[in-house]
mmCIF file of all heavy atoms, coordinates in Angstrom:
data_MODEL
# 
_entry.id   MODEL 
# 
loop_
_atom_site.group_PDB 
_atom_site.id 
_atom_site.type_symbol 
_atom_site.label_atom_id 
_atom_site.label_alt_id 
_atom_site.label_comp_id 
_atom_site.label_asym_id 
_atom_site.label_entity_id 
_atom_site.label_seq_id 
_atom_site.pdbx_PDB_ins_code 
_atom_site.Cartn_x 
_atom_site.Cartn_y 
_atom_site.Cartn_z 
_atom_site.occupancy 
_atom_site.B_iso_or_equiv 
_atom_site.pdbx_formal_charge 
_atom_site.auth_seq_id 
_atom_site.auth_comp_id 
_atom_site.auth_asym_id 
_atom_site.auth_atom_id 
_atom_site.pdbx_PDB_model_num 
ATOM 1   N N   . SER A 1 1  ? 0.832  -1.209 0.000   1.00 0.00 ? 1  SER A N   1 
ATOM 2   C CA  . SER A 1 1  ? 0.000  0.000  0.000   1.00 0.00 ? 1  SER A CA  1 
ATOM 3   C C   . SER A 1 1  ? 0.858  1.248  0.000   1.00 0.00 ? 1  SER A C   1 
ATOM 4   O O   . SER A 1 1  ? 0.587  2.215  -0.716  1.00 0.00 ? 1  SER A O   1 
ATOM 5   C CB  . SER A 1 1  ? -0.923 -0.005 1.222   1.00 0.00 ? 1  SER A CB  1 
ATOM 6   O OG  . SER A 1 1  ? -1.787 -1.118 1.211   1.00 0.00 ? 1  SER A OG  1 
ATOM 7   N N   . HIS A 1 2  ? 1.912  1.233  0.806   1.00 0.00 ? 2  HIS A N   1 
ATOM 8   C CA  . HIS A 1 2  ? 2.823  2.373  0.859   1.00 0.00 ? 2  HIS A CA  1 
ATOM 9   C C   . HIS A 1 2  ? 3.472  2.621  -0.504  1.00 0.00 ? 2  HIS A C   1 
ATOM 10  O O   . HIS A 1 2  ? 3.595  3.773  -0.944  1.00 0.00 ? 2  HIS A O   1 
ATOM 11  C CB  . HIS A 1 2  ? 3.906  2.115  1.910   1.00 0.00 ? 2  HIS A CB  1 
ATOM 12  C CG  . HIS A 1 2  ? 5.054  3.075  1.845   1.00 0.00 ? 2  HIS A CG  1 
ATOM 13  N ND1 . HIS A 1 2  ? 4.931  4.407  2.146   1.00 0.00 ? 2  HIS A ND1 1 
ATOM 14  C CD2 . HIS A 1 2  ? 6.348  2.873  1.480   1.00 0.00 ? 2  HIS A CD2 1 
ATOM 15  C CE1 . HIS A 1 2  ? 6.102  5.004  1.987   1.00 0.00 ? 2  HIS A CE1 1 
ATOM 16  N NE2 . HIS A 1 2  ? 6.976  4.103  1.591   1.00 0.00 ? 2  HIS A NE2 1 
ATOM 17  N N   . ALA A 1 3  ? 3.867  1.554  -1.175  1.00 0.00 ? 3  ALA A N   1 
ATOM 18  C CA  . ALA A 1 3  ? 4.511  1.704  -2.483  1.00 0.00 ? 3  ALA A CA  1 
ATOM 19  C C   . ALA A 1 3  ? 3.546  2.291  -3.506  1.00 0.00 ? 3  ALA A C   1 
ATOM 20  O O   . ALA A 1 3  ? 3.915  3.179  -4.291  1.00 0.00 ? 3  ALA A O   1 
ATOM 21  C CB  . ALA A 1 3  ? 5.034  0.350  -2.960  1.00 0.00 ? 3  ALA A CB  1 
ATOM 22  N N   . VAL A 1 4  ? 2.303  1.814  -3.501  1.00 0.00 ? 4  VAL A N   1 
ATOM 23  C CA  . VAL A 1 4  ? 1.311  2.295  -4.474  1.00 0.00 ? 4  VAL A CA  1 
ATOM 24  C C   . VAL A 1 4  ? 0.997  3.767  -4.248  1.00 0.00 ? 4  VAL A C   1 
ATOM 25  O O   . VAL A 1 4  ? 1.049  4.591  -5.175  1.00 0.00 ? 4  VAL A O   1 
ATOM 26  C CB  . VAL A 1 4  ? 0.027  1.443  -4.392  1.00 0.00 ? 4  VAL A CB  1 
ATOM 27  C CG1 . VAL A 1 4  ? -1.099 2.086  -5.199  1.00 0.00 ? 4  VAL A CG1 1 
ATOM 28  C CG2 . VAL A 1 4  ? 0.298  0.029  -4.885  1.00 0.00 ? 4  VAL A CG2 1 
ATOM 29  N N   . LEU A 1 5  ? 0.650  4.117  -3.017  1.00 0.00 ? 5  LEU A N   1 
ATOM 30  C CA  . LEU A 1 5  ? 0.254  5.495  -2.732  1.00 0.00 ? 5  LEU A CA  1 
ATOM 31  C C   . LEU A 1 5  ? 1.462  6.429  -2.717  1.00 0.00 ? 5  LEU A C   1 
ATOM 32  O O   . LEU A 1 5  ? 1.382  7.563  -3.208  1.00 0.00 ? 5  LEU A O   1 
ATOM 33  C CB  . LEU A 1 5  ? -0.490 5.557  -1.399  1.00 0.00 ? 5  LEU A CB  1 
ATOM 34  C CG  . LEU A 1 5  ? -1.109 6.919  -1.047  1.00 0.00 ? 5  LEU A CG  1 
ATOM 35  C CD1 . LEU A 1 5  ? -2.080 7.375  -2.134  1.00 0.00 ? 5  LEU A CD1 1 
ATOM 36  C CD2 . LEU A 1 5  ? -1.819 6.844  0.300   1.00 0.00 ? 5  LEU A CD2 1 
ATOM 37  N N   . GLY A 1 6  ? 2.575  5.974  -2.154  1.00 0.00 ? 6  GLY A N   1 
ATOM 38  C CA  . GLY A 1 6  ? 3.758  6.828  -2.064  1.00 0.00 ? 6  GLY A CA  1 
ATOM 39  C C   . GLY A 1 6  ? 4.268  7.264  -3.427  1.00 0.00 ? 6  GLY A C   1 
ATOM 40  O O   . GLY A 1 6  ? 4.663  8.420  -3.609  1.00 0.00 ? 6  GLY A O   1 
ATOM 41  N N   . THR A 1 7  ? 4.253  6.359  -4.403  1.00 0.00 ? 7  THR A N   1 
ATOM 42  C CA  . THR A 1 7  ? 4.706  6.714  -5.748  1.00 0.00 ? 7  THR A CA  1 
ATOM 43  C C   . THR A 1 7  ? 3.825  7.805  -6.339  1.00 0.00 ? 7  THR A C   1 
ATOM 44  O O   . THR A 1 7  ? 4.311  8.766  -6.952  1.00 0.00 ? 7  THR A O   1 
ATOM 45  C CB  . THR A 1 7  ? 4.686  5.473  -6.652  1.00 0.00 ? 7  THR A CB  1 
ATOM 46  O OG1 . THR A 1 7  ? 5.563  4.479  -6.118  1.00 0.00 ? 7  THR A OG1 1 
ATOM 47  C CG2 . THR A 1 7  ? 5.128  5.826  -8.058  1.00 0.00 ? 7  THR A CG2 1 
ATOM 48  N N   . SER A 1 8  ? 2.523  7.680  -6.152  1.00 0.00 ? 8  SER A N   1 
ATOM 49  C CA  . SER A 1 8  ? 1.597  8.656  -6.728  1.00 0.00 ? 8  SER A CA  1 
ATOM 50  C C   . SER A 1 8  ? 1.712  10.016 -6.060  1.00 0.00 ? 8  SER A C   1 
ATOM 51  O O   . SER A 1 8  ? 1.693  11.045 -6.727  1.00 0.00 ? 8  SER A O   1 
ATOM 52  C CB  . SER A 1 8  ? 0.160  8.130  -6.619  1.00 0.00 ? 8  SER A CB  1 
ATOM 53  O OG  . SER A 1 8  ? -0.734 8.991  -7.289  1.00 0.00 ? 8  SER A OG  1 
ATOM 54  N N   . VAL A 1 9  ? 1.835  10.048 -4.736  1.00 0.00 ? 9  VAL A N   1 
ATOM 55  C CA  . VAL A 1 9  ? 1.886  11.351 -4.066  1.00 0.00 ? 9  VAL A CA  1 
ATOM 56  C C   . VAL A 1 9  ? 3.209  12.065 -4.341  1.00 0.00 ? 9  VAL A C   1 
ATOM 57  O O   . VAL A 1 9  ? 3.254  13.305 -4.339  1.00 0.00 ? 9  VAL A O   1 
ATOM 58  C CB  . VAL A 1 9  ? 1.639  11.229 -2.550  1.00 0.00 ? 9  VAL A CB  1 
ATOM 59  C CG1 . VAL A 1 9  ? 0.237  10.724 -2.274  1.00 0.00 ? 9  VAL A CG1 1 
ATOM 60  C CG2 . VAL A 1 9  ? 2.681  10.362 -1.865  1.00 0.00 ? 9  VAL A CG2 1 
ATOM 61  N N   . ARG A 1 10 ? 4.274  11.316 -4.607  1.00 0.00 ? 10 ARG A N   1 
ATOM 62  C CA  . ARG A 1 10 ? 5.532  11.975 -4.973  1.00 0.00 ? 10 ARG A CA  1 
ATOM 63  C C   . ARG A 1 10 ? 5.368  12.738 -6.283  1.00 0.00 ? 10 ARG A C   1 
ATOM 64  O O   . ARG A 1 10 ? 5.847  13.865 -6.433  1.00 0.00 ? 10 ARG A O   1 
ATOM 65  C CB  . ARG A 1 10 ? 6.666  10.961 -5.080  1.00 0.00 ? 10 ARG A CB  1 
ATOM 66  C CG  . ARG A 1 10 ? 7.284  10.573 -3.753  1.00 0.00 ? 10 ARG A CG  1 
ATOM 67  C CD  . ARG A 1 10 ? 8.602  9.850  -3.940  1.00 0.00 ? 10 ARG A CD  1 
ATOM 68  N NE  . ARG A 1 10 ? 8.443  8.572  -4.624  1.00 0.00 ? 10 ARG A NE  1 
ATOM 69  C CZ  . ARG A 1 10 ? 8.166  7.432  -4.022  1.00 0.00 ? 10 ARG A CZ  1 
ATOM 70  N NH1 . ARG A 1 10 ? 8.002  7.406  -2.705  1.00 0.00 ? 10 ARG A NH1 1 
ATOM 71  N NH2 . ARG A 1 10 ? 8.045  6.316  -4.711  1.00 0.00 ? 10 ARG A NH2 1 
ATOM 72  N N   . VAL A 1 11 ? 4.687  12.129 -7.244  1.00 0.00 ? 11 VAL A N   1 
ATOM 73  C CA  . VAL A 1 11 ? 4.428  12.819 -8.505  1.00 0.00 ? 11 VAL A CA  1 
ATOM 74  C C   . VAL A 1 11 ? 3.495  14.007 -8.277  1.00 0.00 ? 11 VAL A C   1 
ATOM 75  O O   . VAL A 1 11 ? 3.669  15.076 -8.875  1.00 0.00 ? 11 VAL A O   1 
ATOM 76  C CB  . VAL A 1 11 ? 3.834  11.844 -9.534  1.00 0.00 ? 11 VAL A CB  1 
ATOM 77  C CG1 . VAL A 1 11 ? 3.512  12.572 -10.841 1.00 0.00 ? 11 VAL A CG1 1 
ATOM 78  C CG2 . VAL A 1 11 ? 4.787  10.693 -9.806  1.00 0.00 ? 11 VAL A CG2 1 
ATOM 79  N N   . SER A 1 12 ? 2.509  13.842 -7.398  1.00 0.00 ? 12 SER A N   1 
ATOM 80  C CA  . SER A 1 12 ? 1.603  14.952 -7.092  1.00 0.00 ? 12 SER A CA  1 
ATOM 81  C C   . SER A 1 12 ? 2.365  16.143 -6.525  1.00 0.00 ? 12 SER A C   1 
ATOM 82  O O   . SER A 1 12 ? 2.091  17.297 -6.877  1.00 0.00 ? 12 SER A O   1 
ATOM 83  C CB  . SER A 1 12 ? 0.533  14.496 -6.084  1.00 0.00 ? 12 SER A CB  1 
ATOM 84  O OG  . SER A 1 12 ? -0.352 13.562 -6.660  1.00 0.00 ? 12 SER A OG  1 
ATOM 85  N N   . ARG A 1 13 ? 3.323  15.881 -5.656  1.00 0.00 ? 13 ARG A N   1 
ATOM 86  C CA  . ARG A 1 13 ? 4.097  16.989 -5.092  1.00 0.00 ? 13 ARG A CA  1 
ATOM 87  C C   . ARG A 1 13 ? 4.964  17.652 -6.152  1.00 0.00 ? 13 ARG A C   1 
ATOM 88  O O   . ARG A 1 13 ? 5.165  18.869 -6.120  1.00 0.00 ? 13 ARG A O   1 
ATOM 89  C CB  . ARG A 1 13 ? 4.964  16.497 -3.928  1.00 0.00 ? 13 ARG A CB  1 
ATOM 90  C CG  . ARG A 1 13 ? 4.155  16.041 -2.714  1.00 0.00 ? 13 ARG A CG  1 
ATOM 91  C CD  . ARG A 1 13 ? 5.035  15.968 -1.474  1.00 0.00 ? 13 ARG A CD  1 
ATOM 92  N NE  . ARG A 1 13 ? 6.174  15.082 -1.655  1.00 0.00 ? 13 ARG A NE  1 
ATOM 93  C CZ  . ARG A 1 13 ? 6.175  13.784 -1.400  1.00 0.00 ? 13 ARG A CZ  1 
ATOM 94  N NH1 . ARG A 1 13 ? 5.075  13.200 -0.933  1.00 0.00 ? 13 ARG A NH1 1 
ATOM 95  N NH2 . ARG A 1 13 ? 7.258  13.051 -1.567  1.00 0.00 ? 13 ARG A NH2 1 
ATOM 96  N N   . ARG A 1 14 ? 5.460  16.873 -7.110  1.00 0.00 ? 14 ARG A N   1 
ATOM 97  C CA  . ARG A 1 14 ? 6.234  17.479 -8.196  1.00 0.00 ? 14 ARG A CA  1 
ATOM 98  C C   . ARG A 1 14 ? 5.364  18.397 -9.046  1.00 0.00 ? 14 ARG A C   1 
ATOM 99  O O   . ARG A 1 14 ? 5.822  19.425 -9.542  1.00 0.00 ? 14 ARG A O   1 
ATOM 100 C CB  . ARG A 1 14 ? 6.866  16.397 -9.083  1.00 0.00 ? 14 ARG A CB  1 
ATOM 101 C CG  . ARG A 1 14 ? 8.025  15.683 -8.444  1.00 0.00 ? 14 ARG A CG  1 
ATOM 102 C CD  . ARG A 1 14 ? 8.980  15.116 -9.496  1.00 0.00 ? 14 ARG A CD  1 
ATOM 103 N NE  . ARG A 1 14 ? 8.305  14.204 -10.409 1.00 0.00 ? 14 ARG A NE  1 
ATOM 104 C CZ  . ARG A 1 14 ? 8.176  12.902 -10.202 1.00 0.00 ? 14 ARG A CZ  1 
ATOM 105 N NH1 . ARG A 1 14 ? 8.657  12.356 -9.088  1.00 0.00 ? 14 ARG A NH1 1 
ATOM 106 N NH2 . ARG A 1 14 ? 7.568  12.143 -11.084 1.00 0.00 ? 14 ARG A NH2 1 
ATOM 107 N N   . CYS A 1 15 ? 4.093  18.025 -9.210  1.00 0.00 ? 15 CYS A N   1 
ATOM 108 C CA  . CYS A 1 15 ? 3.169  18.884 -9.971  1.00 0.00 ? 15 CYS A CA  1 
ATOM 109 C C   . CYS A 1 15 ? 2.987  20.237 -9.297  1.00 0.00 ? 15 CYS A C   1 
ATOM 110 O O   . CYS A 1 15 ? 2.681  21.230 -9.959  1.00 0.00 ? 15 CYS A O   1 
ATOM 111 C CB  . CYS A 1 15 ? 1.799  18.206 -10.105 1.00 0.00 ? 15 CYS A CB  1 
ATOM 112 S SG  . CYS A 1 15 ? 1.757  16.816 -11.243 1.00 0.00 ? 15 CYS A SG  1 
ATOM 113 N N   . LEU A 1 16 ? 3.146  20.284 -7.976  1.00 0.00 ? 16 LEU A N   1 
ATOM 114 C CA  . LEU A 1 16 ? 2.931  21.515 -7.233  1.00 0.00 ? 16 LEU A CA  1 
ATOM 115 C C   . LEU A 1 16 ? 4.198  22.335 -7.094  1.00 0.00 ? 16 LEU A C   1 
ATOM 116 O O   . LEU A 1 16 ? 4.150  23.472 -6.612  1.00 0.00 ? 16 LEU A O   1 
ATOM 117 C CB  . LEU A 1 16 ? 2.396  21.184 -5.831  1.00 0.00 ? 16 LEU A CB  1 
ATOM 118 C CG  . LEU A 1 16 ? 1.076  20.412 -5.803  1.00 0.00 ? 16 LEU A CG  1 
ATOM 119 C CD1 . LEU A 1 16 ? 0.755  19.985 -4.380  1.00 0.00 ? 16 LEU A CD1 1 
ATOM 120 C CD2 . LEU A 1 16 ? -0.055 21.242 -6.382  1.00 0.00 ? 16 LEU A CD2 1 
ATOM 121 N N   . ALA A 1 17 ? 5.337  21.765 -7.510  1.00 0.00 ? 17 ALA A N   1 
ATOM 122 C CA  . ALA A 1 17 ? 6.606  22.476 -7.349  1.00 0.00 ? 17 ALA A CA  1 
ATOM 123 C C   . ALA A 1 17 ? 6.649  23.669 -8.284  1.00 0.00 ? 17 ALA A C   1 
ATOM 124 O O   . ALA A 1 17 ? 6.181  23.602 -9.417  1.00 0.00 ? 17 ALA A O   1 
ATOM 125 C CB  . ALA A 1 17 ? 7.773  21.535 -7.641  1.00 0.00 ? 17 ALA A CB  1 
ATOM 126 N N   . PRO A 1 18 ? 7.207  24.805 -7.831  1.00 0.00 ? 18 PRO A N   1 
ATOM 127 C CA  . PRO A 1 18 ? 7.307  25.973 -8.708  1.00 0.00 ? 18 PRO A CA  1 
ATOM 128 C C   . PRO A 1 18 ? 8.261  25.703 -9.854  1.00 0.00 ? 18 PRO A C   1 
ATOM 129 O O   . PRO A 1 18 ? 9.216  24.949 -9.726  1.00 0.00 ? 18 PRO A O   1 
ATOM 130 C CB  . PRO A 1 18 ? 7.841  27.076 -7.788  1.00 0.00 ? 18 PRO A CB  1 
ATOM 131 C CG  . PRO A 1 18 ? 8.550  26.342 -6.702  1.00 0.00 ? 18 PRO A CG  1 
ATOM 132 C CD  . PRO A 1 18 ? 7.803  25.053 -6.500  1.00 0.00 ? 18 PRO A CD  1 
ATOM 133 N N   . ALA A 1 19 ? 7.977  26.309 -10.980 1.00 0.00 ? 19 ALA A N   1 
ATOM 134 C CA  . ALA A 1 19 ? 8.833  26.167 -12.165 1.00 0.00 ? 19 ALA A CA  1 
ATOM 135 C C   . ALA A 1 19 ? 9.186  27.542 -12.693 1.00 0.00 ? 19 ALA A C   1 
ATOM 136 O O   . ALA A 1 19 ? 8.364  28.449 -12.692 1.00 0.00 ? 19 ALA A O   1 
ATOM 137 C CB  . ALA A 1 19 ? 8.130  25.348 -13.258 1.00 0.00 ? 19 ALA A CB  1 
ATOM 138 N N   . ASP A 1 20 ? 10.424 27.685 -13.153 1.00 0.00 ? 20 ASP A N   1 
ATOM 139 C CA  . ASP A 1 20 ? 10.859 28.938 -13.757 1.00 0.00 ? 20 ASP A CA  1 
ATOM 140 C C   . ASP A 1 20 ? 10.413 28.961 -15.210 1.00 0.00 ? 20 ASP A C   1 
ATOM 141 O O   . ASP A 1 20 ? 10.752 28.060 -15.987 1.00 0.00 ? 20 ASP A O   1 
ATOM 142 C CB  . ASP A 1 20 ? 12.379 29.075 -13.706 1.00 0.00 ? 20 ASP A CB  1 
ATOM 143 C CG  . ASP A 1 20 ? 12.872 29.216 -12.265 1.00 0.00 ? 20 ASP A CG  1 
ATOM 144 O OD1 . ASP A 1 20 ? 12.109 29.767 -11.453 1.00 0.00 ? 20 ASP A OD1 1 
ATOM 145 O OD2 . ASP A 1 20 ? 13.990 28.770 -11.979 1.00 0.00 ? 20 ASP A OD2 1 
ATOM 146 N N   . VAL A 1 21 ? 9.640  29.953 -15.564 1.00 0.00 ? 21 VAL A N   1 
ATOM 147 C CA  . VAL A 1 21 ? 9.139  30.078 -16.924 1.00 0.00 ? 21 VAL A CA  1 
ATOM 148 C C   . VAL A 1 21 ? 9.609  31.407 -17.477 1.00 0.00 ? 21 VAL A C   1 
ATOM 149 O O   . VAL A 1 21 ? 9.331  32.450 -16.902 1.00 0.00 ? 21 VAL A O   1 
ATOM 150 C CB  . VAL A 1 21 ? 7.599  30.017 -16.962 1.00 0.00 ? 21 VAL A CB  1 
ATOM 151 C CG1 . VAL A 1 21 ? 7.113  30.095 -18.395 1.00 0.00 ? 21 VAL A CG1 1 
ATOM 152 C CG2 . VAL A 1 21 ? 7.097  28.757 -16.294 1.00 0.00 ? 21 VAL A CG2 1 
ATOM 153 N N   . ARG A 1 22 ? 10.314 31.356 -18.577 1.00 0.00 ? 22 ARG A N   1 
ATOM 154 C CA  . ARG A 1 22 ? 10.792 32.592 -19.180 1.00 0.00 ? 22 ARG A CA  1 
ATOM 155 C C   . ARG A 1 22 ? 9.637  33.307 -19.880 1.00 0.00 ? 22 ARG A C   1 
ATOM 156 O O   . ARG A 1 22 ? 8.692  32.690 -20.367 1.00 0.00 ? 22 ARG A O   1 
ATOM 157 C CB  . ARG A 1 22 ? 11.890 32.294 -20.209 1.00 0.00 ? 22 ARG A CB  1 
ATOM 158 C CG  . ARG A 1 22 ? 13.135 31.683 -19.603 1.00 0.00 ? 22 ARG A CG  1 
ATOM 159 C CD  . ARG A 1 22 ? 14.133 31.346 -20.672 1.00 0.00 ? 22 ARG A CD  1 
ATOM 160 N NE  . ARG A 1 22 ? 13.563 30.343 -21.586 1.00 0.00 ? 22 ARG A NE  1 
ATOM 161 C CZ  . ARG A 1 22 ? 14.163 29.974 -22.709 1.00 0.00 ? 22 ARG A CZ  1 
ATOM 162 N NH1 . ARG A 1 22 ? 15.303 30.529 -23.056 1.00 0.00 ? 22 ARG A NH1 1 
ATOM 163 N NH2 . ARG A 1 22 ? 13.614 29.063 -23.485 1.00 0.00 ? 22 ARG A NH2 1 
ATOM 164 N N   . THR A 1 23 ? 9.745  34.631 -19.967 1.00 0.00 ? 23 THR A N   1 
ATOM 165 C CA  . THR A 1 23 ? 8.721  35.405 -20.656 1.00 0.00 ? 23 THR A CA  1 
ATOM 166 C C   . THR A 1 23 ? 8.783  35.079 -22.132 1.00 0.00 ? 23 THR A C   1 
ATOM 167 O O   . THR A 1 23 ? 9.829  35.161 -22.769 1.00 0.00 ? 23 THR A O   1 
ATOM 168 C CB  . THR A 1 23 ? 8.942  36.908 -20.447 1.00 0.00 ? 23 THR A CB  1 
ATOM 169 O OG1 . THR A 1 23 ? 8.907  37.148 -19.043 1.00 0.00 ? 23 THR A OG1 1 
ATOM 170 C CG2 . THR A 1 23 ? 7.866  37.713 -21.130 1.00 0.00 ? 23 THR A CG2 1 
ATOM 171 N N   . GLY A 1 24 ? 7.650  34.722 -22.687 1.00 0.00 ? 24 GLY A N   1 
ATOM 172 C CA  . GLY A 1 24 ? 7.599  34.321 -24.081 1.00 0.00 ? 24 GLY A CA  1 
ATOM 173 C C   . GLY A 1 24 ? 7.169  35.464 -24.981 1.00 0.00 ? 24 GLY A C   1 
ATOM 174 O O   . GLY A 1 24 ? 7.327  36.640 -24.673 1.00 0.00 ? 24 GLY A O   1 
ATOM 175 N N   . GLN A 1 25 ? 6.562  35.105 -26.100 1.00 0.00 ? 25 GLN A N   1 
ATOM 176 C CA  . GLN A 1 25 ? 6.159  36.081 -27.075 1.00 0.00 ? 25 GLN A CA  1 
ATOM 177 C C   . GLN A 1 25 ? 4.917  36.823 -26.593 1.00 0.00 ? 25 GLN A C   1 
ATOM 178 O O   . GLN A 1 25 ? 4.148  36.333 -25.778 1.00 0.00 ? 25 GLN A O   1 
ATOM 179 C CB  . GLN A 1 25 ? 5.854  35.375 -28.414 1.00 0.00 ? 25 GLN A CB  1 
ATOM 180 C CG  . GLN A 1 25 ? 7.079  34.705 -29.027 1.00 0.00 ? 25 GLN A CG  1 
ATOM 181 C CD  . GLN A 1 25 ? 7.398  33.377 -28.392 1.00 0.00 ? 25 GLN A CD  1 
ATOM 182 O OE1 . GLN A 1 25 ? 6.680  32.908 -27.514 1.00 0.00 ? 25 GLN A OE1 1 
ATOM 183 N NE2 . GLN A 1 25 ? 8.486  32.781 -28.822 1.00 0.00 ? 25 GLN A NE2 1 
# 
């Protein structure tokens, strides 16, 4: 259970991580 849920929540936290986005056109 830990492996199943832990893998998914790690990806969820990456989705929430800030990202540097350069100014585009």
